[in-house]
Amino acid sequence: MTPSTTGSLYEAFDPETARALTERLEIHYTPKHGSWLNIAEIELSALTRQCLGHRLDRLDTLNHELAAWQHATNTDRRQVNWQFTSADARTKLRHLYPEN
């Protein structure tokens, strides 16, 4: 079993605990490589520094702070300047594109 599946929980915990944990998780499978991943990591780093850099002892406080951070971030409407174009992809990844 790969580490990205819930099977690893059954290896680490008793079945009842593992089942309870799997019901709480929502797993999103994402590519391991890609420029969008760098953007996601930057946003998670900003979230950690700007919102989660201090102890939050209540779930409702955490949810309130996360919602406020998300609202401020979305209001700011930062944009990403993608520099890897489709033409670049066809050049660098020509083995993935059929010949015309």
PDB file of N, CA and C in Angstrom:
ATOM      1  N   MET A   1       0.832  -1.179   0.000  1.00  0.00           N
ATOM      2  CA  MET A   1       0.000   0.000   0.000  1.00  0.00           C
ATOM      3  C   MET A   1       0.880   1.247   0.000  1.00  0.00           C
ATOM      4  N   THR A   2       0.498   2.242  -0.761  1.00  0.00           N
ATOM      5  CA  THR A   2       1.291   3.463  -0.816  1.00  0.00           C
ATOM      6  C   THR A   2       0.998   4.325   0.403  1.00  0.00           C
ATOM      7  N   PRO A   3       1.946   5.176   0.783  1.00  0.00           N
ATOM      8  CA  PRO A   3       1.747   6.019   1.954  1.00  0.00           C
ATOM      9  C   PRO A   3       0.602   7.018   1.803  1.00  0.00           C
ATOM     10  N   SER A   4       0.158   7.261   0.571  1.00  0.00           N
ATOM     11  CA  SER A   4      -0.898   8.254   0.371  1.00  0.00           C
ATOM     12  C   SER A   4      -2.298   7.681   0.562  1.00  0.00           C
ATOM     13  N   THR A   5      -2.396   6.409   0.906  1.00  0.00           N
ATOM     14  CA  THR A   5      -3.716   5.823   1.131  1.00  0.00           C
ATOM     15  C   THR A   5      -3.972   5.708   2.624  1.00  0.00           C
ATOM     16  N   THR A   6      -5.216   5.438   2.954  1.00  0.00           N
ATOM     17  CA  THR A   6      -5.561   5.309   4.363  1.00  0.00           C
ATOM     18  C   THR A   6      -5.079   3.978   4.940  1.00  0.00           C
ATOM     19  N   GLY A   7      -4.602   3.082   4.106  1.00  0.00           N
ATOM     20  CA  GLY A   7      -4.097   1.795   4.587  1.00  0.00           C
ATOM     21  C   GLY A   7      -2.971   1.950   5.602  1.00  0.00           C
ATOM     22  N   SER A   8      -2.193   3.009   5.456  1.00  0.00           N
ATOM     23  CA  SER A   8      -1.093   3.219   6.403  1.00  0.00           C
ATOM     24  C   SER A   8      -1.621   3.502   7.813  1.00  0.00           C
ATOM     25  N   LEU A   9      -2.832   4.046   7.903  1.00  0.00           N
ATOM     26  CA  LEU A   9      -3.424   4.268   9.227  1.00  0.00           C
ATOM     27  C   LEU A   9      -3.734   2.941   9.911  1.00  0.00           C
ATOM     28  N   TYR A  10      -4.165   1.960   9.122  1.00  0.00           N
ATOM     29  CA  TYR A  10      -4.465   0.640   9.687  1.00  0.00           C
ATOM     30  C   TYR A  10      -3.195  -0.090  10.111  1.00  0.00           C
ATOM     31  N   GLU A  11      -2.063   0.295   9.515  1.00  0.00           N
ATOM     32  CA  GLU A  11      -0.789  -0.279   9.938  1.00  0.00           C
ATOM     33  C   GLU A  11      -0.308   0.347  11.239  1.00  0.00           C
ATOM     34  N   ALA A  12      -0.677   1.607  11.470  1.00  0.00           N
ATOM     35  CA  ALA A  12      -0.179   2.333  12.640  1.00  0.00           C
ATOM     36  C   ALA A  12      -1.114   2.274  13.846  1.00  0.00           C
ATOM     37  N   PHE A  13      -2.433   2.075  13.608  1.00  0.00           N
ATOM     38  CA  PHE A  13      -3.408   2.114  14.690  1.00  0.00           C
ATOM     39  C   PHE A  13      -4.267   0.860  14.688  1.00  0.00           C
ATOM     40  N   ASP A  14      -4.968   0.664  15.792  1.00  0.00           N
ATOM     41  CA  ASP A  14      -5.920  -0.444  15.839  1.00  0.00           C
ATOM     42  C   ASP A  14      -7.063  -0.114  14.863  1.00  0.00           C
ATOM     43  N   PRO A  15      -7.814  -1.131  14.386  1.00  0.00           N
ATOM     44  CA  PRO A  15      -8.833  -0.902  13.359  1.00  0.00           C
ATOM     45  C   PRO A  15      -9.883   0.158  13.706  1.00  0.00           C
ATOM     46  N   GLU A  16     -10.321   0.200  14.954  1.00  0.00           N
ATOM     47  CA  GLU A  16     -11.346   1.183  15.323  1.00  0.00           C
ATOM     48  C   GLU A  16     -10.816   2.616  15.220  1.00  0.00           C
ATOM     49  N   THR A  17      -9.598   2.827  15.711  1.00  0.00           N
ATOM     50  CA  THR A  17      -8.983   4.155  15.651  1.00  0.00           C
ATOM     51  C   THR A  17      -8.707   4.548  14.209  1.00  0.00           C
ATOM     52  N   ALA A  18      -8.178   3.604  13.438  1.00  0.00           N
ATOM     53  CA  ALA A  18      -7.880   3.879  12.030  1.00  0.00           C
ATOM     54  C   ALA A  18      -9.155   4.244  11.274  1.00  0.00           C
ATOM     55  N   ARG A  19     -10.226   3.524  11.515  1.00  0.00           N
ATOM     56  CA  ARG A  19     -11.499   3.816  10.847  1.00  0.00           C
ATOM     57  C   ARG A  19     -12.009   5.207  11.235  1.00  0.00           C
ATOM     58  N   ALA A  20     -11.909   5.554  12.507  1.00  0.00           N
ATOM     59  CA  ALA A  20     -12.346   6.879  12.960  1.00  0.00           C
ATOM     60  C   ALA A  20     -11.525   7.975  12.273  1.00  0.00           C
ATOM     61  N   LEU A  21     -10.234   7.746  12.127  1.00  0.00           N
ATOM     62  CA  LEU A  21      -9.375   8.733  11.465  1.00  0.00           C
ATOM     63  C   LEU A  21      -9.699   8.846   9.977  1.00  0.00           C
ATOM     64  N   THR A  22      -9.927   7.721   9.312  1.00  0.00           N
ATOM     65  CA  THR A  22     -10.229   7.773   7.875  1.00  0.00           C
ATOM     66  C   THR A  22     -11.532   8.504   7.604  1.00  0.00           C
ATOM     67  N   GLU A  23     -12.466   8.427   8.523  1.00  0.00           N
ATOM     68  CA  GLU A  23     -13.733   9.136   8.341  1.00  0.00           C
ATOM     69  C   GLU A  23     -13.566  10.642   8.502  1.00  0.00           C
ATOM     70  N   ARG A  24     -12.509  11.069   9.184  1.00  0.00           N
ATOM     71  CA  ARG A  24     -12.261  12.497   9.387  1.00  0.00           C
ATOM     72  C   ARG A  24     -11.416  13.101   8.269  1.00  0.00           C
ATOM     73  N   LEU A  25     -10.746  12.264   7.493  1.00  0.00           N
ATOM     74  CA  LEU A  25      -9.841  12.750   6.460  1.00  0.00           C
ATOM     75  C   LEU A  25     -10.533  12.897   5.116  1.00  0.00           C
ATOM     76  N   GLU A  26     -10.102  13.884   4.367  1.00  0.00           N
ATOM     77  CA  GLU A  26     -10.500  14.026   2.972  1.00  0.00           C
ATOM     78  C   GLU A  26      -9.202  14.138   2.181  1.00  0.00           C
ATOM     79  N   ILE A  27      -8.858  13.083   1.474  1.00  0.00           N
ATOM     80  CA  ILE A  27      -7.576  13.011   0.782  1.00  0.00           C
ATOM     81  C   ILE A  27      -7.745  13.535  -0.639  1.00  0.00           C
ATOM     82  N   HIS A  28      -6.863  14.444  -1.017  1.00  0.00           N
ATOM     83  CA  HIS A  28      -6.845  14.990  -2.371  1.00  0.00           C
ATOM     84  C   HIS A  28      -5.537  14.561  -3.014  1.00  0.00           C
ATOM     85  N   TYR A  29      -5.638  13.794  -4.078  1.00  0.00           N
ATOM     86  CA  TYR A  29      -4.449  13.346  -4.785  1.00  0.00           C
ATOM     87  C   TYR A  29      -4.015  14.434  -5.754  1.00  0.00           C
ATOM     88  N   THR A  30      -2.758  14.810  -5.659  1.00  0.00           N
ATOM     89  CA  THR A  30      -2.231  15.876  -6.504  1.00  0.00           C
ATOM     90  C   THR A  30      -0.958  15.396  -7.176  1.00  0.00           C
ATOM     91  N   PRO A  31      -0.625  15.981  -8.319  1.00  0.00           N
ATOM     92  CA  PRO A  31       0.632  15.622  -8.975  1.00  0.00           C
ATOM     93  C   PRO A  31       1.827  15.967  -8.099  1.00  0.00           C
ATOM     94  N   LYS A  32       2.892  15.196  -8.257  1.00  0.00           N
ATOM     95  CA  LYS A  32       4.092  15.457  -7.465  1.00  0.00           C
ATOM     96  C   LYS A  32       4.929  16.582  -8.061  1.00  0.00           C
ATOM     97  N   HIS A  33       4.745  16.843  -9.349  1.00  0.00           N
ATOM     98  CA  HIS A  33       5.536  17.867 -10.022  1.00  0.00           C
ATOM     99  C   HIS A  33       4.596  18.855 -10.694  1.00  0.00           C
ATOM    100  N   GLY A  34       4.991  20.080 -10.730  1.00  0.00           N
ATOM    101  CA  GLY A  34       4.198  21.081 -11.422  1.00  0.00           C
ATOM    102  C   GLY A  34       4.419  22.453 -10.825  1.00  0.00           C
ATOM    103  N   SER A  35       4.408  23.446 -11.679  1.00  0.00           N
ATOM    104  CA  SER A  35       4.677  24.796 -11.203  1.00  0.00           C
ATOM    105  C   SER A  35       3.574  25.289 -10.277  1.00  0.00           C
ATOM    106  N   TRP A  36       2.337  24.786 -10.444  1.00  0.00           N
ATOM    107  CA  TRP A  36       1.250  25.208  -9.562  1.00  0.00           C
ATOM    108  C   TRP A  36       1.522  24.773  -8.129  1.00  0.00           C
ATOM    109  N   LEU A  37       2.283  23.675  -7.980  1.00  0.00           N
ATOM    110  CA  LEU A  37       2.578  23.173  -6.647  1.00  0.00           C
ATOM    111  C   LEU A  37       3.431  24.174  -5.877  1.00  0.00           C
ATOM    112  N   ASN A  38       4.341  24.842  -6.562  1.00  0.00           N
ATOM    113  CA  ASN A  38       5.153  25.872  -5.911  1.00  0.00           C
ATOM    114  C   ASN A  38       4.272  26.994  -5.386  1.00  0.00           C
ATOM    115  N   ILE A  39       3.259  27.379  -6.164  1.00  0.00           N
ATOM    116  CA  ILE A  39       2.342  28.438  -5.747  1.00  0.00           C
ATOM    117  C   ILE A  39       1.575  27.997  -4.503  1.00  0.00           C
ATOM    118  N   ALA A  40       1.121  26.748  -4.511  1.00  0.00           N
ATOM    119  CA  ALA A  40       0.382  26.225  -3.353  1.00  0.00           C
ATOM    120  C   ALA A  40       1.267  26.219  -2.107  1.00  0.00           C
ATOM    121  N   GLU A  41       2.534  25.825  -2.259  1.00  0.00           N
ATOM    122  CA  GLU A  41       3.446  25.807  -1.124  1.00  0.00           C
ATOM    123  C   GLU A  41       3.704  27.214  -0.599  1.00  0.00           C
ATOM    124  N   ILE A  42       3.795  28.177  -1.486  1.00  0.00           N
ATOM    125  CA  ILE A  42       3.993  29.566  -1.070  1.00  0.00           C
ATOM    126  C   ILE A  42       2.783  30.046  -0.269  1.00  0.00           C
ATOM    127  N   GLU A  43       1.578  29.715  -0.740  1.00  0.00           N
ATOM    128  CA  GLU A  43       0.368  30.132  -0.030  1.00  0.00           C
ATOM    129  C   GLU A  43       0.273  29.464   1.339  1.00  0.00           C
ATOM    130  N   LEU A  44       0.615  28.185   1.415  1.00  0.00           N
ATOM    131  CA  LEU A  44       0.588  27.502   2.713  1.00  0.00           C
ATOM    132  C   LEU A  44       1.615  28.098   3.666  1.00  0.00           C
ATOM    133  N   SER A  45       2.761  28.483   3.135  1.00  0.00           N
ATOM    134  CA  SER A  45       3.776  29.123   3.969  1.00  0.00           C
ATOM    135  C   SER A  45       3.272  30.474   4.486  1.00  0.00           C
ATOM    136  N   ALA A  46       2.621  31.235   3.613  1.00  0.00           N
ATOM    137  CA  ALA A  46       2.065  32.532   4.037  1.00  0.00           C
ATOM    138  C   ALA A  46       0.979  32.326   5.081  1.00  0.00           C
ATOM    139  N   LEU A  47       0.128  31.333   4.875  1.00  0.00           N
ATOM    140  CA  LEU A  47      -0.920  31.023   5.852  1.00  0.00           C
ATOM    141  C   LEU A  47      -0.301  30.705   7.209  1.00  0.00           C
ATOM    142  N   THR A  48       0.739  29.910   7.212  1.00  0.00           N
ATOM    143  CA  THR A  48       1.394  29.530   8.458  1.00  0.00           C
ATOM    144  C   THR A  48       1.983  30.750   9.161  1.00  0.00           C
ATOM    145  N   ARG A  49       2.676  31.595   8.403  1.00  0.00           N
ATOM    146  CA  ARG A  49       3.308  32.770   8.999  1.00  0.00           C
ATOM    147  C   ARG A  49       2.287  33.806   9.459  1.00  0.00           C
ATOM    148  N   GLN A  50       1.278  34.061   8.633  1.00  0.00           N
ATOM    149  CA  GLN A  50       0.362  35.167   8.895  1.00  0.00           C
ATOM    150  C   GLN A  50      -0.810  34.793   9.805  1.00  0.00           C
ATOM    151  N   CYS A  51      -1.166  33.526   9.836  1.00  0.00           N
ATOM    152  CA  CYS A  51      -2.382  33.154  10.555  1.00  0.00           C
ATOM    153  C   CYS A  51      -2.132  32.110  11.644  1.00  0.00           C
ATOM    154  N   LEU A  52      -1.260  31.182  11.367  1.00  0.00           N
ATOM    155  CA  LEU A  52      -1.091  30.058  12.287  1.00  0.00           C
ATOM    156  C   LEU A  52       0.201  30.122  13.082  1.00  0.00           C
ATOM    157  N   GLY A  53       0.814  31.285  13.124  1.00  0.00           N
ATOM    158  CA  GLY A  53       2.093  31.432  13.797  1.00  0.00           C
ATOM    159  C   GLY A  53       1.997  31.487  15.311  1.00  0.00           C
ATOM    160  N   HIS A  54       0.800  31.387  15.833  1.00  0.00           N
ATOM    161  CA  HIS A  54       0.631  31.415  17.288  1.00  0.00           C
ATOM    162  C   HIS A  54      -0.323  30.296  17.694  1.00  0.00           C
ATOM    163  N   ARG A  55      -0.358  30.016  18.969  1.00  0.00           N
ATOM    164  CA  ARG A  55      -1.180  28.908  19.465  1.00  0.00           C
ATOM    165  C   ARG A  55      -2.656  29.283  19.457  1.00  0.00           C
ATOM    166  N   LEU A  56      -3.456  28.389  18.888  1.00  0.00           N
ATOM    167  CA  LEU A  56      -4.907  28.561  18.881  1.00  0.00           C
ATOM    168  C   LEU A  56      -5.492  27.363  19.610  1.00  0.00           C
ATOM    169  N   ASP A  57      -6.090  27.603  20.770  1.00  0.00           N
ATOM    170  CA  ASP A  57      -6.506  26.482  21.606  1.00  0.00           C
ATOM    171  C   ASP A  57      -7.961  26.066  21.421  1.00  0.00           C
ATOM    172  N   ARG A  58      -8.684  26.785  20.554  1.00  0.00           N
ATOM    173  CA  ARG A  58     -10.087  26.434  20.330  1.00  0.00           C
ATOM    174  C   ARG A  58     -10.347  26.315  18.827  1.00  0.00           C
ATOM    175  N   LEU A  59     -11.116  25.319  18.450  1.00  0.00           N
ATOM    176  CA  LEU A  59     -11.414  25.084  17.047  1.00  0.00           C
ATOM    177  C   LEU A  59     -12.191  26.251  16.440  1.00  0.00           C
ATOM    178  N   ASP A  60     -13.120  26.832  17.170  1.00  0.00           N
ATOM    179  CA  ASP A  60     -13.886  27.945  16.623  1.00  0.00           C
ATOM    180  C   ASP A  60     -12.999  29.171  16.400  1.00  0.00           C
ATOM    181  N   THR A  61     -11.997  29.367  17.262  1.00  0.00           N
ATOM    182  CA  THR A  61     -11.039  30.461  17.066  1.00  0.00           C
ATOM    183  C   THR A  61     -10.218  30.209  15.804  1.00  0.00           C
ATOM    184  N   LEU A  62      -9.758  28.977  15.631  1.00  0.00           N
ATOM    185  CA  LEU A  62      -9.007  28.609  14.432  1.00  0.00           C
ATOM    186  C   LEU A  62      -9.843  28.861  13.181  1.00  0.00           C
ATOM    187  N   ASN A  63     -11.076  28.392  13.179  1.00  0.00           N
ATOM    188  CA  ASN A  63     -11.945  28.580  12.019  1.00  0.00           C
ATOM    189  C   ASN A  63     -12.191  30.059  11.729  1.00  0.00           C
ATOM    190  N   HIS A  64     -12.373  30.854  12.772  1.00  0.00           N
ATOM    191  CA  HIS A  64     -12.587  32.295  12.606  1.00  0.00           C
ATOM    192  C   HIS A  64     -11.352  32.953  11.992  1.00  0.00           C
ATOM    193  N   GLU A  65     -10.176  32.624  12.507  1.00  0.00           N
ATOM    194  CA  GLU A  65      -8.945  33.218  11.986  1.00  0.00           C
ATOM    195  C   GLU A  65      -8.666  32.763  10.560  1.00  0.00           C
ATOM    196  N   LEU A  66      -8.923  31.489  10.266  1.00  0.00           N
ATOM    197  CA  LEU A  66      -8.732  31.000   8.897  1.00  0.00           C
ATOM    198  C   LEU A  66      -9.671  31.699   7.927  1.00  0.00           C
ATOM    199  N   ALA A  67     -10.925  31.878   8.326  1.00  0.00           N
ATOM    200  CA  ALA A  67     -11.894  32.559   7.466  1.00  0.00           C
ATOM    201  C   ALA A  67     -11.477  34.009   7.221  1.00  0.00           C
ATOM    202  N   ALA A  68     -11.004  34.680   8.250  1.00  0.00           N
ATOM    203  CA  ALA A  68     -10.557  36.074   8.107  1.00  0.00           C
ATOM    204  C   ALA A  68      -9.345  36.152   7.190  1.00  0.00           C
ATOM    205  N   TRP A  69      -8.390  35.238   7.346  1.00  0.00           N
ATOM    206  CA  TRP A  69      -7.201  35.219   6.489  1.00  0.00           C
ATOM    207  C   TRP A  69      -7.600  34.938   5.044  1.00  0.00           C
ATOM    208  N   GLN A  70      -8.484  33.980   4.851  1.00  0.00           N
ATOM    209  CA  GLN A  70      -8.928  33.636   3.499  1.00  0.00           C
ATOM    210  C   GLN A  70      -9.642  34.820   2.843  1.00  0.00           C
ATOM    211  N   HIS A  71     -10.491  35.492   3.591  1.00  0.00           N
ATOM    212  CA  HIS A  71     -11.202  36.654   3.052  1.00  0.00           C
ATOM    213  C   HIS A  71     -10.208  37.750   2.649  1.00  0.00           C
ATOM    214  N   ALA A  72      -9.250  38.038   3.514  1.00  0.00           N
ATOM    215  CA  ALA A  72      -8.247  39.070   3.216  1.00  0.00           C
ATOM    216  C   ALA A  72      -7.412  38.682   1.999  1.00  0.00           C
ATOM    217  N   THR A  73      -7.030  37.421   1.916  1.00  0.00           N
ATOM    218  CA  THR A  73      -6.226  36.944   0.792  1.00  0.00           C
ATOM    219  C   THR A  73      -7.010  37.028  -0.513  1.00  0.00           C
ATOM    220  N   ASN A  74      -8.269  36.606  -0.487  1.00  0.00           N
ATOM    221  CA  ASN A  74      -9.094  36.665  -1.694  1.00  0.00           C
ATOM    222  C   ASN A  74      -9.395  38.105  -2.105  1.00  0.00           C
ATOM    223  N   THR A  75      -9.561  38.994  -1.128  1.00  0.00           N
ATOM    224  CA  THR A  75      -9.823  40.399  -1.421  1.00  0.00           C
ATOM    225  C   THR A  75      -8.606  41.043  -2.076  1.00  0.00           C
ATOM    226  N   ASP A  76      -7.413  40.624  -1.657  1.00  0.00           N
ATOM    227  CA  ASP A  76      -6.166  41.163  -2.198  1.00  0.00           C
ATOM    228  C   ASP A  76      -6.009  40.818  -3.680  1.00  0.00           C
ATOM    229  N   ARG A  77      -6.553  39.701  -4.106  1.00  0.00           N
ATOM    230  CA  ARG A  77      -6.559  39.249  -5.504  1.00  0.00           C
ATOM    231  C   ARG A  77      -5.172  39.252  -6.133  1.00  0.00           C
ATOM    232  N   ARG A  78      -4.220  38.680  -5.422  1.00  0.00           N
ATOM    233  CA  ARG A  78      -2.886  38.538  -5.994  1.00  0.00           C
ATOM    234  C   ARG A  78      -2.959  37.639  -7.212  1.00  0.00           C
ATOM    235  N   GLN A  79      -2.053  37.862  -8.136  1.00  0.00           N
ATOM    236  CA  GLN A  79      -2.043  37.057  -9.349  1.00  0.00           C
ATOM    237  C   GLN A  79      -0.696  36.388  -9.505  1.00  0.00           C
ATOM    238  N   VAL A  80      -0.716  35.306 -10.262  1.00  0.00           N
ATOM    239  CA  VAL A  80       0.506  34.557 -10.535  1.00  0.00           C
ATOM    240  C   VAL A  80       0.945  34.872 -11.956  1.00  0.00           C
ATOM    241  N   ASN A  81       2.211  35.166 -12.111  1.00  0.00           N
ATOM    242  CA  ASN A  81       2.764  35.430 -13.434  1.00  0.00           C
ATOM    243  C   ASN A  81       3.370  34.127 -13.954  1.00  0.00           C
ATOM    244  N   TRP A  82       2.576  33.354 -14.685  1.00  0.00           N
ATOM    245  CA  TRP A  82       3.047  32.080 -15.228  1.00  0.00           C
ATOM    246  C   TRP A  82       4.034  32.363 -16.347  1.00  0.00           C
ATOM    247  N   GLN A  83       5.211  31.789 -16.251  1.00  0.00           N
ATOM    248  CA  GLN A  83       6.225  32.036 -17.257  1.00  0.00           C
ATOM    249  C   GLN A  83       6.507  30.816 -18.126  1.00  0.00           C
ATOM    250  N   PHE A  84       5.965  29.673 -17.783  1.00  0.00           N
ATOM    251  CA  PHE A  84       6.152  28.459 -18.565  1.00  0.00           C
ATOM    252  C   PHE A  84       4.954  28.345 -19.503  1.00  0.00           C
ATOM    253  N   THR A  85       5.159  28.636 -20.768  1.00  0.00           N
ATOM    254  CA  THR A  85       4.067  28.701 -21.739  1.00  0.00           C
ATOM    255  C   THR A  85       3.808  27.337 -22.377  1.00  0.00           C
ATOM    256  N   SER A  86       2.731  27.260 -23.121  1.00  0.00           N
ATOM    257  CA  SER A  86       2.420  26.031 -23.873  1.00  0.00           C
ATOM    258  C   SER A  86       3.528  25.726 -24.879  1.00  0.00           C
ATOM    259  N   ALA A  87       4.067  26.768 -25.509  1.00  0.00           N
ATOM    260  CA  ALA A  87       5.170  26.576 -26.460  1.00  0.00           C
ATOM    261  C   ALA A  87       6.388  25.997 -25.743  1.00  0.00           C
ATOM    262  N   ASP A  88       6.682  26.489 -24.545  1.00  0.00           N
ATOM    263  CA  ASP A  88       7.787  25.944 -23.756  1.00  0.00           C
ATOM    264  C   ASP A  88       7.549  24.464 -23.446  1.00  0.00           C
ATOM    265  N   ALA A  89       6.320  24.155 -23.091  1.00  0.00           N
ATOM    266  CA  ALA A  89       5.983  22.766 -22.771  1.00  0.00           C
ATOM    267  C   ALA A  89       6.185  21.866 -23.983  1.00  0.00           C
ATOM    268  N   ARG A  90       5.754  22.334 -25.151  1.00  0.00           N
ATOM    269  CA  ARG A  90       5.915  21.516 -26.360  1.00  0.00           C
ATOM    270  C   ARG A  90       7.386  21.304 -26.699  1.00  0.00           C
ATOM    271  N   THR A  91       8.228  22.275 -26.363  1.00  0.00           N
ATOM    272  CA  THR A  91       9.661  22.129 -26.610  1.00  0.00           C
ATOM    273  C   THR A  91      10.299  21.185 -25.599  1.00  0.00           C
ATOM    274  N   LYS A  92      10.065  21.450 -24.315  1.00  0.00           N
ATOM    275  CA  LYS A  92      10.704  20.649 -23.265  1.00  0.00           C
ATOM    276  C   LYS A  92      10.104  19.262 -23.131  1.00  0.00           C
ATOM    277  N   LEU A  93       8.831  19.130 -23.450  1.00  0.00           N
ATOM    278  CA  LEU A  93       8.141  17.850 -23.270  1.00  0.00           C
ATOM    279  C   LEU A  93       7.701  17.276 -24.617  1.00  0.00           C
ATOM    280  N   ARG A  94       8.516  17.463 -25.638  1.00  0.00           N
ATOM    281  CA  ARG A  94       8.115  17.052 -26.987  1.00  0.00           C
ATOM    282  C   ARG A  94       7.819  15.564 -27.089  1.00  0.00           C
ATOM    283  N   HIS A  95       8.408  14.767 -26.180  1.00  0.00           N
ATOM    284  CA  HIS A  95       8.119  13.330 -26.213  1.00  0.00           C
ATOM    285  C   HIS A  95       6.679  13.021 -25.809  1.00  0.00           C
ATOM    286  N   LEU A  96       5.987  13.982 -25.190  1.00  0.00           N
ATOM    287  CA  LEU A  96       4.604  13.792 -24.792  1.00  0.00           C
ATOM    288  C   LEU A  96       3.611  14.294 -25.837  1.00  0.00           C
ATOM    289  N   TYR A  97       4.095  15.083 -26.811  1.00  0.00           N
ATOM    290  CA  TYR A  97       3.233  15.660 -27.826  1.00  0.00           C
ATOM    291  C   TYR A  97       3.432  14.928 -29.150  1.00  0.00           C
ATOM    292  N   PRO A  98       2.351  14.543 -29.806  1.00  0.00           N
ATOM    293  CA  PRO A  98       2.486  13.864 -31.097  1.00  0.00           C
ATOM    294  C   PRO A  98       2.984  14.826 -32.176  1.00  0.00           C
ATOM    295  N   GLU A  99       3.671  14.254 -33.169  1.00  0.00           N
ATOM    296  CA  GLU A  99       4.146  15.064 -34.301  1.00  0.00           C
ATOM    297  C   GLU A  99       2.966  15.457 -35.165  1.00  0.00           C
ATOM    298  N   ASN A 100       2.990  16.678 -35.680  1.00  0.00           N
ATOM    299  CA  ASN A 100       1.903  17.152 -36.560  1.00  0.00           C
ATOM    300  C   ASN A 100       2.231  16.872 -38.004  1.00  0.00           C
TER     301      ASN A 100
END
